[in-house]
């Protein structure tokens, strides 16, 4: 489970990776039926994902 999993309406998981011995990035993903859906690739120094990162505001017509 990823650290953001409680903030989303679906379970998220992490896969930590990097070049060398220390991981530098993480893949945030979810499993839906028999498919793996990658949500984001993040550097470990970046802030956690938020639900607002996925919401798109509709532009108002002037």
N, C-alpha and C. Protein backbone atom coordinates (compact mmCIF):
# COMPACT_ATOMS: atom_id res chain seq x y z
N UNK A 1 0.85 -1.18 0.00
CA UNK A 1 0.00 0.00 0.00
C UNK A 1 0.89 1.24 0.00
N UNK A 2 0.48 2.23 -0.76
CA UNK A 2 1.25 3.47 -0.77
C UNK A 2 0.78 4.37 0.36
N UNK A 3 1.57 5.38 0.62
CA UNK A 3 1.21 6.29 1.72
C UNK A 3 -0.01 7.13 1.40
N UNK A 4 -0.39 7.23 0.10
CA UNK A 4 -1.58 7.99 -0.28
C UNK A 4 -2.85 7.14 -0.33
N UNK A 5 -2.75 5.86 -0.12
CA UNK A 5 -3.86 4.96 -0.36
C UNK A 5 -5.14 5.36 0.38
N UNK A 6 -5.02 5.88 1.58
CA UNK A 6 -6.21 6.28 2.34
C UNK A 6 -6.89 7.51 1.75
N UNK A 7 -6.20 8.26 0.89
CA UNK A 7 -6.74 9.49 0.32
C UNK A 7 -7.51 9.26 -0.98
N UNK A 8 -7.48 8.05 -1.50
CA UNK A 8 -8.13 7.77 -2.78
C UNK A 8 -9.25 6.76 -2.60
N UNK A 9 -10.22 6.77 -3.51
CA UNK A 9 -11.32 5.81 -3.41
C UNK A 9 -10.93 4.42 -3.92
N UNK A 10 -9.65 4.21 -4.22
CA UNK A 10 -9.15 2.93 -4.67
C UNK A 10 -7.79 2.70 -4.01
N UNK A 11 -7.36 1.45 -3.97
CA UNK A 11 -6.09 1.11 -3.34
C UNK A 11 -4.93 1.50 -4.25
N UNK A 12 -3.93 2.17 -3.70
CA UNK A 12 -2.73 2.49 -4.47
C UNK A 12 -1.54 1.77 -3.85
N UNK A 13 -0.59 1.44 -4.70
CA UNK A 13 0.61 0.73 -4.27
C UNK A 13 1.84 1.45 -4.80
N UNK A 14 2.99 1.14 -4.22
CA UNK A 14 4.26 1.75 -4.63
C UNK A 14 5.23 0.67 -5.08
N UNK A 15 6.07 1.05 -6.04
CA UNK A 15 7.23 0.26 -6.41
C UNK A 15 8.41 1.22 -6.42
N UNK A 16 9.33 1.04 -5.49
CA UNK A 16 10.49 1.92 -5.37
C UNK A 16 11.60 1.41 -6.29
N UNK A 17 12.27 2.34 -6.99
CA UNK A 17 13.34 1.93 -7.89
C UNK A 17 14.34 3.06 -8.07
N UNK A 18 15.48 2.75 -8.63
CA UNK A 18 16.52 3.73 -8.90
C UNK A 18 17.75 3.04 -9.44
N UNK A 19 18.71 3.83 -9.84
CA UNK A 19 19.98 3.30 -10.31
C UNK A 19 20.91 3.20 -9.09
N UNK A 20 21.54 2.09 -8.93
CA UNK A 20 22.41 1.89 -7.78
C UNK A 20 21.66 1.24 -6.63
N UNK A 21 22.21 1.45 -5.45
CA UNK A 21 21.65 0.77 -4.28
C UNK A 21 20.45 1.48 -3.67
N UNK A 22 20.38 2.78 -3.82
CA UNK A 22 19.31 3.54 -3.17
C UNK A 22 18.21 3.88 -4.17
N UNK A 23 16.96 3.62 -3.80
CA UNK A 23 15.87 4.04 -4.68
C UNK A 23 15.75 5.56 -4.72
N UNK A 24 15.45 6.10 -5.88
CA UNK A 24 15.28 7.54 -6.04
C UNK A 24 13.89 7.91 -6.49
N UNK A 25 13.16 6.96 -7.04
CA UNK A 25 11.83 7.20 -7.59
C UNK A 25 10.88 6.11 -7.12
N UNK A 26 9.60 6.38 -7.31
CA UNK A 26 8.59 5.37 -7.03
C UNK A 26 7.51 5.43 -8.08
N UNK A 27 7.03 4.28 -8.45
CA UNK A 27 5.89 4.17 -9.34
C UNK A 27 4.66 3.97 -8.46
N UNK A 28 3.68 4.83 -8.61
CA UNK A 28 2.42 4.71 -7.88
C UNK A 28 1.43 4.05 -8.84
N UNK A 29 0.85 2.95 -8.42
CA UNK A 29 -0.02 2.20 -9.32
C UNK A 29 -1.18 1.58 -8.57
N UNK A 30 -2.14 1.09 -9.33
CA UNK A 30 -3.26 0.35 -8.77
C UNK A 30 -3.50 -0.87 -9.64
N UNK A 31 -4.17 -1.85 -9.09
CA UNK A 31 -4.50 -3.05 -9.83
C UNK A 31 -6.01 -3.08 -10.01
N UNK A 32 -6.43 -3.15 -11.26
CA UNK A 32 -7.86 -3.15 -11.60
C UNK A 32 -8.15 -4.41 -12.41
N UNK A 33 -8.86 -5.31 -11.82
CA UNK A 33 -9.14 -6.62 -12.41
C UNK A 33 -7.82 -7.32 -12.72
N UNK A 34 -7.47 -7.52 -13.97
CA UNK A 34 -6.22 -8.19 -14.32
C UNK A 34 -5.21 -7.25 -14.95
N UNK A 35 -5.36 -5.93 -14.70
CA UNK A 35 -4.47 -4.92 -15.28
C UNK A 35 -3.80 -4.09 -14.20
N UNK A 36 -2.58 -3.69 -14.47
CA UNK A 36 -1.86 -2.77 -13.59
C UNK A 36 -1.92 -1.39 -14.24
N UNK A 37 -2.45 -0.41 -13.53
CA UNK A 37 -2.58 0.95 -14.04
C UNK A 37 -1.60 1.84 -13.29
N UNK A 38 -0.62 2.38 -14.03
CA UNK A 38 0.37 3.27 -13.42
C UNK A 38 -0.26 4.65 -13.32
N UNK A 39 -0.30 5.18 -12.11
CA UNK A 39 -0.90 6.49 -11.85
C UNK A 39 0.13 7.59 -12.04
N UNK A 40 1.34 7.36 -11.51
CA UNK A 40 2.38 8.40 -11.60
C UNK A 40 3.73 7.78 -11.31
N UNK A 41 4.76 8.44 -11.83
CA UNK A 41 6.15 8.17 -11.47
C UNK A 41 6.62 9.41 -10.73
N UNK A 42 7.08 9.25 -9.51
CA UNK A 42 7.44 10.40 -8.67
C UNK A 42 8.84 10.22 -8.11
N UNK A 43 9.57 11.33 -8.00
CA UNK A 43 10.83 11.32 -7.28
C UNK A 43 10.49 11.24 -5.80
N UNK A 44 11.33 10.58 -5.03
CA UNK A 44 11.02 10.41 -3.60
C UNK A 44 10.96 11.73 -2.85
N UNK A 45 11.60 12.77 -3.37
CA UNK A 45 11.56 14.08 -2.71
C UNK A 45 10.28 14.85 -3.00
N UNK A 46 9.51 14.40 -3.99
CA UNK A 46 8.27 15.11 -4.32
C UNK A 46 7.21 14.84 -3.27
N UNK A 47 6.28 15.78 -3.16
CA UNK A 47 5.18 15.63 -2.21
C UNK A 47 4.30 14.45 -2.61
N UNK A 48 3.50 14.00 -1.68
CA UNK A 48 2.56 12.91 -1.96
C UNK A 48 1.52 13.37 -2.97
N UNK A 49 0.97 12.42 -3.68
CA UNK A 49 -0.11 12.73 -4.60
C UNK A 49 -1.37 13.09 -3.81
N UNK A 50 -2.19 13.93 -4.40
CA UNK A 50 -3.46 14.30 -3.79
C UNK A 50 -4.56 14.08 -4.82
N UNK A 51 -5.76 13.89 -4.35
CA UNK A 51 -6.88 13.68 -5.26
C UNK A 51 -7.04 14.86 -6.21
N UNK A 52 -6.71 16.06 -5.75
CA UNK A 52 -6.80 17.25 -6.59
C UNK A 52 -5.87 17.17 -7.81
N UNK A 53 -4.83 16.38 -7.75
CA UNK A 53 -3.93 16.23 -8.88
C UNK A 53 -4.62 15.57 -10.08
N UNK A 54 -5.75 14.93 -9.84
CA UNK A 54 -6.46 14.21 -10.89
C UNK A 54 -7.75 14.89 -11.32
N UNK A 55 -8.19 15.87 -10.58
CA UNK A 55 -9.44 16.55 -10.91
C UNK A 55 -9.16 17.66 -11.91
N UNK A 56 -9.94 17.70 -12.95
CA UNK A 56 -9.79 18.70 -13.99
C UNK A 56 -10.99 19.64 -13.90
N UNK A 57 -10.69 20.91 -13.75
CA UNK A 57 -11.78 21.88 -13.67
C UNK A 57 -12.27 22.22 -15.07
N UNK A 58 -13.55 22.29 -15.21
CA UNK A 58 -14.15 22.65 -16.47
C UNK A 58 -14.06 24.17 -16.62
N UNK A 59 -13.56 24.62 -17.77
CA UNK A 59 -13.46 26.07 -18.02
C UNK A 59 -14.85 26.65 -18.18
N UNK A 60 -15.05 27.80 -17.58
CA UNK A 60 -16.34 28.46 -17.69
C UNK A 60 -16.42 29.22 -19.01
N UNK A 61 -17.56 29.14 -19.65
CA UNK A 61 -17.77 29.89 -20.88
C UNK A 61 -18.01 31.35 -20.54
N UNK A 62 -17.34 32.25 -21.27
CA UNK A 62 -17.53 33.69 -21.03
C UNK A 62 -18.60 34.24 -21.93
